[in-house]
PDB file of N, CA and C in Angstrom:
ATOM      1  N   MET A   1      38.122  -6.045  80.035  1.00  0.00           N
ATOM      2  CA  MET A   1      37.203  -6.051  78.915  1.00  0.00           C
ATOM      3  C   MET A   1      36.158  -4.939  79.054  1.00  0.00           C
ATOM      4  N   THR A   2      35.697  -4.686  80.268  1.00  0.00           N
ATOM      5  CA  THR A   2      34.681  -3.649  80.432  1.00  0.00           C
ATOM      6  C   THR A   2      35.227  -2.269  80.087  1.00  0.00           C
ATOM      7  N   ALA A   3      36.514  -2.056  80.326  1.00  0.00           N
ATOM      8  CA  ALA A   3      37.118  -0.767  79.937  1.00  0.00           C
ATOM      9  C   ALA A   3      37.111  -0.628  78.417  1.00  0.00           C
ATOM     10  N   ASP A   4      37.352  -1.733  77.724  1.00  0.00           N
ATOM     11  CA  ASP A   4      37.302  -1.712  76.258  1.00  0.00           C
ATOM     12  C   ASP A   4      35.898  -1.362  75.773  1.00  0.00           C
ATOM     13  N   PHE A   5      34.886  -1.909  76.441  1.00  0.00           N
ATOM     14  CA  PHE A   5      33.505  -1.590  76.095  1.00  0.00           C
ATOM     15  C   PHE A   5      33.249  -0.097  76.268  1.00  0.00           C
ATOM     16  N   ALA A   6      33.725   0.449  77.370  1.00  0.00           N
ATOM     17  CA  ALA A   6      33.506   1.866  77.644  1.00  0.00           C
ATOM     18  C   ALA A   6      34.184   2.740  76.591  1.00  0.00           C
ATOM     19  N   VAL A   7      35.395   2.362  76.209  1.00  0.00           N
ATOM     20  CA  VAL A   7      36.111   3.123  75.179  1.00  0.00           C
ATOM     21  C   VAL A   7      35.364   3.038  73.845  1.00  0.00           C
ATOM     22  N   ALA A   8      34.978   1.839  73.462  1.00  0.00           N
ATOM     23  CA  ALA A   8      34.254   1.654  72.202  1.00  0.00           C
ATOM     24  C   ALA A   8      32.923   2.411  72.229  1.00  0.00           C
ATOM     25  N   ALA A   9      32.238   2.383  73.353  1.00  0.00           N
ATOM     26  CA  ALA A   9      30.970   3.097  73.476  1.00  0.00           C
ATOM     27  C   ALA A   9      31.178   4.598  73.316  1.00  0.00           C
ATOM     28  N   GLY A  10      32.222   5.111  73.940  1.00  0.00           N
ATOM     29  CA  GLY A  10      32.522   6.537  73.809  1.00  0.00           C
ATOM     30  C   GLY A  10      32.837   6.916  72.369  1.00  0.00           C
ATOM     31  N   GLN A  11      33.563   6.051  71.680  1.00  0.00           N
ATOM     32  CA  GLN A  11      33.890   6.310  70.277  1.00  0.00           C
ATOM     33  C   GLN A  11      32.645   6.262  69.397  1.00  0.00           C
ATOM     34  N   LEU A  12      31.743   5.325  69.676  1.00  0.00           N
ATOM     35  CA  LEU A  12      30.490   5.255  68.923  1.00  0.00           C
ATOM     36  C   LEU A  12      29.637   6.499  69.162  1.00  0.00           C
ATOM     37  N   ASP A  13      29.551   6.928  70.422  1.00  0.00           N
ATOM     38  CA  ASP A  13      28.808   8.155  70.725  1.00  0.00           C
ATOM     39  C   ASP A  13      29.387   9.343  69.974  1.00  0.00           C
ATOM     40  N   ALA A  14      30.704   9.464  69.990  1.00  0.00           N
ATOM     41  CA  ALA A  14      31.369  10.581  69.317  1.00  0.00           C
ATOM     42  C   ALA A  14      31.133  10.530  67.807  1.00  0.00           C
ATOM     43  N   MET A  15      31.216   9.323  67.229  1.00  0.00           N
ATOM     44  CA  MET A  15      30.981   9.170  65.799  1.00  0.00           C
ATOM     45  C   MET A  15      29.548   9.567  65.446  1.00  0.00           C
ATOM     46  N   ALA A  16      28.590   9.100  66.245  1.00  0.00           N
ATOM     47  CA  ALA A  16      27.184   9.426  66.000  1.00  0.00           C
ATOM     48  C   ALA A  16      26.969  10.937  66.086  1.00  0.00           C
ATOM     49  N   ASP A  17      27.593  11.577  67.064  1.00  0.00           N
ATOM     50  CA  ASP A  17      27.471  13.033  67.194  1.00  0.00           C
ATOM     51  C   ASP A  17      28.052  13.750  65.977  1.00  0.00           C
ATOM     52  N   ARG A  18      29.221  13.296  65.511  1.00  0.00           N
ATOM     53  CA  ARG A  18      29.854  13.933  64.342  1.00  0.00           C
ATOM     54  C   ARG A  18      28.986  13.776  63.095  1.00  0.00           C
ATOM     55  N   ILE A  19      28.430  12.589  62.911  1.00  0.00           N
ATOM     56  CA  ILE A  19      27.579  12.359  61.742  1.00  0.00           C
ATOM     57  C   ILE A  19      26.325  13.223  61.817  1.00  0.00           C
ATOM     58  N   ALA A  20      25.703  13.275  62.984  1.00  0.00           N
ATOM     59  CA  ALA A  20      24.487  14.078  63.144  1.00  0.00           C
ATOM     60  C   ALA A  20      24.779  15.558  62.893  1.00  0.00           C
ATOM     61  N   CYS A  21      25.891  16.049  63.414  1.00  0.00           N
ATOM     62  CA  CYS A  21      26.267  17.461  63.195  1.00  0.00           C
ATOM     63  C   CYS A  21      26.546  17.731  61.723  1.00  0.00           C
ATOM     64  N   LEU A  22      27.252  16.815  61.088  1.00  0.00           N
ATOM     65  CA  LEU A  22      27.559  16.975  59.665  1.00  0.00           C
ATOM     66  C   LEU A  22      26.283  17.022  58.833  1.00  0.00           C
ATOM     67  N   MET A  23      25.360  16.120  59.102  1.00  0.00           N
ATOM     68  CA  MET A  23      24.107  16.098  58.343  1.00  0.00           C
ATOM     69  C   MET A  23      23.297  17.365  58.584  1.00  0.00           C
ATOM     70  N   GLN A  24      23.279  17.842  59.817  1.00  0.00           N
ATOM     71  CA  GLN A  24      22.548  19.067  60.115  1.00  0.00           C
ATOM     72  C   GLN A  24      23.168  20.245  59.365  1.00  0.00           C
ATOM     73  N   ARG A  25      24.486  20.283  59.339  1.00  0.00           N
ATOM     74  CA  ARG A  25      25.197  21.380  58.692  1.00  0.00           C
ATOM     75  C   ARG A  25      25.062  21.320  57.169  1.00  0.00           C
ATOM     76  N   GLU A  26      25.076  20.135  56.602  1.00  0.00           N
ATOM     77  CA  GLU A  26      25.106  19.983  55.152  1.00  0.00           C
ATOM     78  C   GLU A  26      23.743  19.683  54.520  1.00  0.00           C
ATOM     79  N   CYS A  27      22.718  19.592  55.312  1.00  0.00           N
ATOM     80  CA  CYS A  27      21.386  19.215  54.811  1.00  0.00           C
ATOM     81  C   CYS A  27      20.941  20.101  53.647  1.00  0.00           C
ATOM     82  N   ALA A  28      21.150  21.380  53.751  1.00  0.00           N
ATOM     83  CA  ALA A  28      20.723  22.293  52.691  1.00  0.00           C
ATOM     84  C   ALA A  28      21.443  22.010  51.377  1.00  0.00           C
ATOM     85  N   ASN A  29      22.658  21.484  51.452  1.00  0.00           N
ATOM     86  CA  ASN A  29      23.420  21.192  50.237  1.00  0.00           C
ATOM     87  C   ASN A  29      22.910  19.967  49.500  1.00  0.00           C
ATOM     88  N   LEU A  30      22.046  19.195  50.135  1.00  0.00           N
ATOM     89  CA  LEU A  30      21.495  18.011  49.485  1.00  0.00           C
ATOM     90  C   LEU A  30      20.247  18.328  48.659  1.00  0.00           C
ATOM     91  N   SER A  31      19.714  19.510  48.848  1.00  0.00           N
ATOM     92  CA  SER A  31      18.507  19.919  48.138  1.00  0.00           C
ATOM     93  C   SER A  31      18.889  20.622  46.836  1.00  0.00           C
ATOM     94  N   VAL A  32      18.194  20.286  45.761  1.00  0.00           N
ATOM     95  CA  VAL A  32      18.482  20.906  44.469  1.00  0.00           C
ATOM     96  C   VAL A  32      17.236  21.588  43.926  1.00  0.00           C
ATOM     97  N   SER A  33      17.473  22.583  43.097  1.00  0.00           N
ATOM     98  CA  SER A  33      16.390  23.267  42.390  1.00  0.00           C
ATOM     99  C   SER A  33      16.438  22.827  40.933  1.00  0.00           C
ATOM    100  N   ALA A  34      15.303  22.893  40.300  1.00  0.00           N
ATOM    101  CA  ALA A  34      15.250  22.545  38.884  1.00  0.00           C
ATOM    102  C   ALA A  34      16.116  23.522  38.093  1.00  0.00           C
ATOM    103  N   ALA A  35      16.854  22.991  37.141  1.00  0.00           N
ATOM    104  CA  ALA A  35      17.733  23.824  36.319  1.00  0.00           C
ATOM    105  C   ALA A  35      16.923  24.719  35.375  1.00  0.00           C
ATOM    106  N   GLY A  36      15.727  24.306  35.063  1.00  0.00           N
ATOM    107  CA  GLY A  36      14.863  25.079  34.175  1.00  0.00           C
ATOM    108  C   GLY A  36      13.419  24.883  34.570  1.00  0.00           C
ATOM    109  N   LYS A  37      12.532  25.451  33.785  1.00  0.00           N
ATOM    110  CA  LYS A  37      11.102  25.345  34.087  1.00  0.00           C
ATOM    111  C   LYS A  37      10.447  24.189  33.333  1.00  0.00           C
ATOM    112  N   ASP A  38      11.245  23.464  32.553  1.00  0.00           N
ATOM    113  CA  ASP A  38      10.693  22.366  31.772  1.00  0.00           C
ATOM    114  C   ASP A  38      10.395  21.164  32.687  1.00  0.00           C
ATOM    115  N   GLU A  39       9.568  20.278  32.177  1.00  0.00           N
ATOM    116  CA  GLU A  39       9.126  19.128  32.960  1.00  0.00           C
ATOM    117  C   GLU A  39      10.281  18.212  33.357  1.00  0.00           C
ATOM    118  N   VAL A  40      11.218  18.008  32.448  1.00  0.00           N
ATOM    119  CA  VAL A  40      12.348  17.121  32.744  1.00  0.00           C
ATOM    120  C   VAL A  40      13.160  17.678  33.905  1.00  0.00           C
ATOM    121  N   SER A  41      13.468  18.949  33.874  1.00  0.00           N
ATOM    122  CA  SER A  41      14.241  19.569  34.962  1.00  0.00           C
ATOM    123  C   SER A  41      13.515  19.446  36.287  1.00  0.00           C
ATOM    124  N   ARG A  42      12.212  19.703  36.266  1.00  0.00           N
ATOM    125  CA  ARG A  42      11.427  19.608  37.511  1.00  0.00           C
ATOM    126  C   ARG A  42      11.392  18.177  38.029  1.00  0.00           C
ATOM    127  N   ARG A  43      11.230  17.211  37.139  1.00  0.00           N
ATOM    128  CA  ARG A  43      11.175  15.808  37.561  1.00  0.00           C
ATOM    129  C   ARG A  43      12.521  15.329  38.105  1.00  0.00           C
ATOM    130  N   VAL A  44      13.586  15.712  37.443  1.00  0.00           N
ATOM    131  CA  VAL A  44      14.914  15.314  37.912  1.00  0.00           C
ATOM    132  C   VAL A  44      15.183  15.916  39.278  1.00  0.00           C
ATOM    133  N   ALA A  45      14.888  17.192  39.444  1.00  0.00           N
ATOM    134  CA  ALA A  45      15.088  17.843  40.742  1.00  0.00           C
ATOM    135  C   ALA A  45      14.235  17.176  41.810  1.00  0.00           C
ATOM    136  N   GLY A  46      12.994  16.851  41.471  1.00  0.00           N
ATOM    137  CA  GLY A  46      12.118  16.175  42.427  1.00  0.00           C
ATOM    138  C   GLY A  46      12.661  14.819  42.832  1.00  0.00           C
ATOM    139  N   ALA A  47      13.151  14.072  41.847  1.00  0.00           N
ATOM    140  CA  ALA A  47      13.710  12.749  42.139  1.00  0.00           C
ATOM    141  C   ALA A  47      14.953  12.875  43.024  1.00  0.00           C
ATOM    142  N   LEU A  48      15.836  13.811  42.706  1.00  0.00           N
ATOM    143  CA  LEU A  48      17.038  14.013  43.525  1.00  0.00           C
ATOM    144  C   LEU A  48      16.681  14.435  44.939  1.00  0.00           C
ATOM    145  N   ASN A  49      15.689  15.278  45.088  1.00  0.00           N
ATOM    146  CA  ASN A  49      15.280  15.714  46.429  1.00  0.00           C
ATOM    147  C   ASN A  49      14.656  14.574  47.223  1.00  0.00           C
ATOM    148  N   ARG A  50      13.899  13.713  46.555  1.00  0.00           N
ATOM    149  CA  ARG A  50      13.346  12.544  47.257  1.00  0.00           C
ATOM    150  C   ARG A  50      14.470  11.609  47.700  1.00  0.00           C
ATOM    151  N   MET A  51      15.468  11.433  46.849  1.00  0.00           N
ATOM    152  CA  MET A  51      16.614  10.591  47.226  1.00  0.00           C
ATOM    153  C   MET A  51      17.367  11.214  48.399  1.00  0.00           C
ATOM    154  N   ALA A  52      17.498  12.530  48.406  1.00  0.00           N
ATOM    155  CA  ALA A  52      18.181  13.215  49.503  1.00  0.00           C
ATOM    156  C   ALA A  52      17.407  13.042  50.808  1.00  0.00           C
ATOM    157  N   GLU A  53      16.088  13.098  50.734  1.00  0.00           N
ATOM    158  CA  GLU A  53      15.266  12.893  51.928  1.00  0.00           C
ATOM    159  C   GLU A  53      15.430  11.478  52.466  1.00  0.00           C
ATOM    160  N   GLU A  54      15.439  10.504  51.580  1.00  0.00           N
ATOM    161  CA  GLU A  54      15.626   9.114  52.004  1.00  0.00           C
ATOM    162  C   GLU A  54      17.024   8.910  52.589  1.00  0.00           C
ATOM    163  N   PHE A  55      18.018   9.544  51.986  1.00  0.00           N
ATOM    164  CA  PHE A  55      19.378   9.479  52.509  1.00  0.00           C
ATOM    165  C   PHE A  55      19.421  10.054  53.921  1.00  0.00           C
ATOM    166  N   ASP A  56      18.773  11.187  54.125  1.00  0.00           N
ATOM    167  CA  ASP A  56      18.725  11.821  55.446  1.00  0.00           C
ATOM    168  C   ASP A  56      18.070  10.896  56.470  1.00  0.00           C
ATOM    169  N   ARG A  57      16.953  10.269  56.086  1.00  0.00           N
ATOM    170  CA  ARG A  57      16.281   9.331  56.999  1.00  0.00           C
ATOM    171  C   ARG A  57      17.172   8.129  57.306  1.00  0.00           C
ATOM    172  N   SER A  58      17.861   7.626  56.280  1.00  0.00           N
ATOM    173  CA  SER A  58      18.747   6.470  56.479  1.00  0.00           C
ATOM    174  C   SER A  58      19.902   6.815  57.413  1.00  0.00           C
ATOM    175  N   VAL A  59      20.479   7.972  57.217  1.00  0.00           N
ATOM    176  CA  VAL A  59      21.580   8.399  58.088  1.00  0.00           C
ATOM    177  C   VAL A  59      21.071   8.565  59.518  1.00  0.00           C
ATOM    178  N   ALA A  60      19.889   9.152  59.681  1.00  0.00           N
ATOM    179  CA  ALA A  60      19.321   9.324  61.020  1.00  0.00           C
ATOM    180  C   ALA A  60      19.105   7.967  61.694  1.00  0.00           C
ATOM    181  N   ARG A  61      18.633   6.984  60.928  1.00  0.00           N
ATOM    182  CA  ARG A  61      18.464   5.635  61.491  1.00  0.00           C
ATOM    183  C   ARG A  61      19.818   5.053  61.891  1.00  0.00           C
ATOM    184  N   GLY A  62      20.825   5.268  61.068  1.00  0.00           N
ATOM    185  CA  GLY A  62      22.164   4.788  61.385  1.00  0.00           C
ATOM    186  C   GLY A  62      22.722   5.427  62.648  1.00  0.00           C
ATOM    187  N   VAL A  63      22.491   6.730  62.804  1.00  0.00           N
ATOM    188  CA  VAL A  63      22.926   7.441  64.012  1.00  0.00           C
ATOM    189  C   VAL A  63      22.208   6.870  65.232  1.00  0.00           C
ATOM    190  N   ASP A  64      20.912   6.645  65.102  1.00  0.00           N
ATOM    191  CA  ASP A  64      20.149   6.061  66.218  1.00  0.00           C
ATOM    192  C   ASP A  64      20.684   4.678  66.585  1.00  0.00           C
ATOM    193  N   GLU A  65      20.993   3.865  65.578  1.00  0.00           N
ATOM    194  CA  GLU A  65      21.522   2.528  65.838  1.00  0.00           C
ATOM    195  C   GLU A  65      22.895   2.598  66.514  1.00  0.00           C
ATOM    196  N   ALA A  66      23.746   3.513  66.074  1.00  0.00           N
ATOM    197  CA  ALA A  66      25.065   3.668  66.703  1.00  0.00           C
ATOM    198  C   ALA A  66      24.916   4.084  68.157  1.00  0.00           C
ATOM    199  N   ARG A  67      23.970   4.987  68.427  1.00  0.00           N
ATOM    200  CA  ARG A  67      23.742   5.428  69.812  1.00  0.00           C
ATOM    201  C   ARG A  67      23.167   4.301  70.665  1.00  0.00           C
ATOM    202  N   LEU A  68      22.302   3.488  70.081  1.00  0.00           N
ATOM    203  CA  LEU A  68      21.744   2.345  70.804  1.00  0.00           C
ATOM    204  C   LEU A  68      22.842   1.340  71.129  1.00  0.00           C
ATOM    205  N   LEU A  69      23.705   1.073  70.169  1.00  0.00           N
ATOM    206  CA  LEU A  69      24.823   0.171  70.415  1.00  0.00           C
ATOM    207  C   LEU A  69      25.750   0.739  71.482  1.00  0.00           C
ATOM    208  N   ALA A  70      26.009   2.034  71.428  1.00  0.00           N
ATOM    209  CA  ALA A  70      26.858   2.671  72.444  1.00  0.00           C
ATOM    210  C   ALA A  70      26.227   2.540  73.828  1.00  0.00           C
ATOM    211  N   ALA A  71      24.914   2.734  73.916  1.00  0.00           N
ATOM    212  CA  ALA A  71      24.232   2.605  75.207  1.00  0.00           C
ATOM    213  C   ALA A  71      24.332   1.175  75.734  1.00  0.00           C
ATOM    214  N   THR A  72      24.224   0.209  74.829  1.00  0.00           N
ATOM    215  CA  THR A  72      24.362  -1.191  75.233  1.00  0.00           C
ATOM    216  C   THR A  72      25.763  -1.464  75.750  1.00  0.00           C
ATOM    217  N   LEU A  73      26.773  -0.950  75.055  1.00  0.00           N
ATOM    218  CA  LEU A  73      28.152  -1.136  75.502  1.00  0.00           C
ATOM    219  C   LEU A  73      28.405  -0.427  76.836  1.00  0.00           C
ATOM    220  N   HIS A  74      27.831   0.757  76.987  1.00  0.00           N
ATOM    221  CA  HIS A  74      27.976   1.469  78.265  1.00  0.00           C
ATOM    222  C   HIS A  74      27.392   0.634  79.403  1.00  0.00           C
ATOM    223  N   SER A  75      26.224   0.061  79.180  1.00  0.00           N
ATOM    224  CA  SER A  75      25.608  -0.745  80.243  1.00  0.00           C
ATOM    225  C   SER A  75      26.407  -2.021  80.491  1.00  0.00           C
ATOM    226  N   SER A  76      27.005  -2.578  79.465  1.00  0.00           N
ATOM    227  CA  SER A  76      27.840  -3.775  79.645  1.00  0.00           C
ATOM    228  C   SER A  76      29.132  -3.480  80.390  1.00  0.00           C
ATOM    229  N   SER A  77      29.560  -2.223  80.305  1.00  0.00           N
ATOM    230  CA  SER A  77      30.804  -1.849  80.985  1.00  0.00           C
ATOM    231  C   SER A  77      30.545  -1.359  82.411  1.00  0.00           C
ATOM    232  N   GLY A  78      29.277  -1.359  82.804  1.00  0.00           N
ATOM    233  CA  GLY A  78      28.940  -0.914  84.154  1.00  0.00           C
ATOM    234  C   GLY A  78      28.599   0.556  84.233  1.00  0.00           C
ATOM    235  N   GLU A  79      28.660   1.264  83.103  1.00  0.00           N
ATOM    236  CA  GLU A  79      28.291   2.665  83.080  1.00  0.00           C
ATOM    237  C   GLU A  79      26.838   2.775  82.683  1.00  0.00           C
ATOM    238  N   ASP A  80      26.118   3.672  83.300  1.00  0.00           N
ATOM    239  CA  ASP A  80      24.730   3.938  82.914  1.00  0.00           C
ATOM    240  C   ASP A  80      24.688   5.361  82.403  1.00  0.00           C
ATOM    241  N   ARG A  81      24.559   5.520  81.092  1.00  0.00           N
ATOM    242  CA  ARG A  81      24.637   6.843  80.473  1.00  0.00           C
ATOM    243  C   ARG A  81      23.265   7.383  80.114  1.00  0.00           C
ATOM    244  N   ARG A  82      22.206   6.813  80.623  1.00  0.00           N
ATOM    245  CA  ARG A  82      20.860   7.296  80.284  1.00  0.00           C
ATOM    246  C   ARG A  82      20.671   8.693  80.837  1.00  0.00           C
ATOM    247  N   SER A  83      20.034   9.536  80.009  1.00  0.00           N
ATOM    248  CA  SER A  83      19.785  10.919  80.432  1.00  0.00           C
ATOM    249  C   SER A  83      18.349  11.094  80.855  1.00  0.00           C
TER     250      SER A  83
END
């Protein structure tokens, strides 16, 4: 069972790393500019950018939780992966 924990922990670490790299690489693509100078365009762009920021924070929290779970599984399997 402890080997299964170690495998699952490694997979969680790898998944968290892939998600973090993807978000870092694609972060600029989540930001939008207003299509025009009118108030509606500016407000829509602002709303979309706020949603993108919240999405980024949510993903970061998810990555942190996956890493925390992986660390717990590592410790349960007898591995200590603290840096």
